[in-house]
């Protein structure tokens, strides 16, 4: 899921989104694989953790794959809100695979 925080959803953004996703799927998932029908990319808006968790719950996903990047502990201690990855991992309705 690609979530754009603090940006209202627009019809044009939704139209442009499938093109790179389809290209990525063509390059990485064989056409004869049953996996193609089980992989979904979605676009959402609003707070990333909430949008992702709402979609995961609504769509009854089997696995959430989440790209992360490590935070400096000193900086992380002073952030005004909790980390999105932590929120998703701790509240997810299904297993979460994190990749850095």
Protein backbone atom coordinates (compact mmCIF):
# COMPACT_ATOMS: atom_id res chain seq x y z
CA UNK A 1 0.00 0.00 0.00
CA UNK A 2 1.26 3.43 -0.85
CA UNK A 3 -0.09 5.93 1.67
CA UNK A 4 0.17 9.66 1.15
CA UNK A 5 -0.16 11.45 4.47
CA UNK A 6 -1.79 14.87 4.66
CA UNK A 7 -2.65 14.84 0.94
CA UNK A 8 -6.24 14.48 -0.20
CA UNK A 9 -6.83 11.57 -2.55
CA UNK A 10 -7.32 12.55 -6.19
CA UNK A 11 -8.64 10.67 -9.19
CA UNK A 12 -5.51 11.46 -11.27
CA UNK A 13 -3.19 9.89 -8.70
CA UNK A 14 -5.29 6.72 -8.72
CA UNK A 15 -5.13 6.53 -12.53
CA UNK A 16 -1.31 6.86 -12.64
CA UNK A 17 -0.67 4.34 -9.89
CA UNK A 18 -1.39 1.02 -11.73
CA UNK A 19 1.17 1.64 -14.51
CA UNK A 20 4.38 1.27 -12.43
CA UNK A 21 2.79 -1.45 -10.31
CA UNK A 22 1.92 -3.56 -13.33
CA UNK A 23 5.44 -3.06 -14.68
CA UNK A 24 6.94 -4.16 -11.34
CA UNK A 25 4.71 -7.24 -11.27
CA UNK A 26 5.68 -8.15 -14.85
CA UNK A 27 9.37 -7.93 -13.90
CA UNK A 28 9.17 -9.80 -10.59
CA UNK A 29 6.30 -12.32 -10.67
CA UNK A 30 6.08 -14.95 -13.40
CA UNK A 31 2.93 -14.78 -15.46
CA UNK A 32 2.06 -18.45 -14.80
CA UNK A 33 2.35 -18.05 -11.05
CA UNK A 34 -0.74 -18.24 -8.88
CA UNK A 35 0.92 -15.55 -6.78
CA UNK A 36 0.01 -12.82 -9.28
CA UNK A 37 -3.64 -12.97 -8.29
CA UNK A 38 -2.74 -12.79 -4.59
CA UNK A 39 -0.50 -9.69 -4.69
CA UNK A 40 -2.27 -6.37 -4.27
CA UNK A 41 -0.97 -2.83 -4.32
CA UNK A 42 -3.28 -0.14 -3.01
CA UNK A 43 -3.08 3.61 -2.59
CA UNK A 44 -4.46 5.32 0.47
CA UNK A 45 -4.39 8.68 2.15
CA UNK A 46 -4.28 9.88 5.74
CA UNK A 47 -2.11 8.66 8.61
CA UNK A 48 -0.03 5.78 7.21
CA UNK A 49 -0.48 3.34 10.08
CA UNK A 50 -4.26 3.85 10.27
CA UNK A 51 -4.77 3.61 6.50
CA UNK A 52 -2.63 0.47 6.26
CA UNK A 53 -4.28 -1.25 9.22
CA UNK A 54 -7.77 -0.38 7.98
CA UNK A 55 -7.01 -1.86 4.55
CA UNK A 56 -5.38 -4.98 6.05
CA UNK A 57 -8.45 -5.57 8.21
CA UNK A 58 -11.01 -4.86 5.49
CA UNK A 59 -9.24 -6.96 2.83
CA UNK A 60 -8.35 -9.77 5.27
CA UNK A 61 -4.76 -9.83 4.00
CA UNK A 62 -2.57 -12.89 4.67
CA UNK A 63 0.69 -10.99 5.09
CA UNK A 64 1.79 -7.36 5.32
CA UNK A 65 5.20 -6.62 3.78
CA UNK A 66 6.58 -3.38 5.18
CA UNK A 67 9.70 -1.55 4.04
CA UNK A 68 11.47 0.18 6.92
CA UNK A 69 14.57 2.24 7.51
CA UNK A 70 16.31 2.35 10.87
CA UNK A 71 15.99 5.48 12.98
CA UNK A 72 18.79 6.96 15.01
CA UNK A 73 17.83 6.18 18.66
CA UNK A 74 18.58 9.74 19.79
CA UNK A 75 16.33 11.21 17.11
CA UNK A 76 13.62 8.57 17.61
CA UNK A 77 13.42 9.42 21.32
CA UNK A 78 12.42 13.00 20.45
CA UNK A 79 9.86 12.33 17.74
CA UNK A 80 6.41 13.72 18.56
CA UNK A 81 4.57 10.59 17.44
CA UNK A 82 5.24 6.88 17.48
CA UNK A 83 6.92 5.15 14.57
CA UNK A 84 4.59 4.01 11.77
CA UNK A 85 6.31 0.63 11.50
CA UNK A 86 5.91 0.02 15.24
CA UNK A 87 2.22 0.92 15.07
CA UNK A 88 1.62 -1.46 12.16
CA UNK A 89 3.61 -4.35 13.63
CA UNK A 90 2.01 -4.05 17.06
CA UNK A 91 -1.59 -3.69 15.84
CA UNK A 92 -1.65 -5.71 12.60
CA UNK A 93 -4.40 -8.30 12.12
CA UNK A 94 -1.96 -10.56 10.23
CA UNK A 95 1.78 -11.34 10.24
CA UNK A 96 4.13 -8.50 9.19
CA UNK A 97 7.36 -9.00 7.27
CA UNK A 98 9.67 -6.01 7.62
CA UNK A 99 12.38 -5.36 5.04
CA UNK A 100 15.08 -2.73 5.25
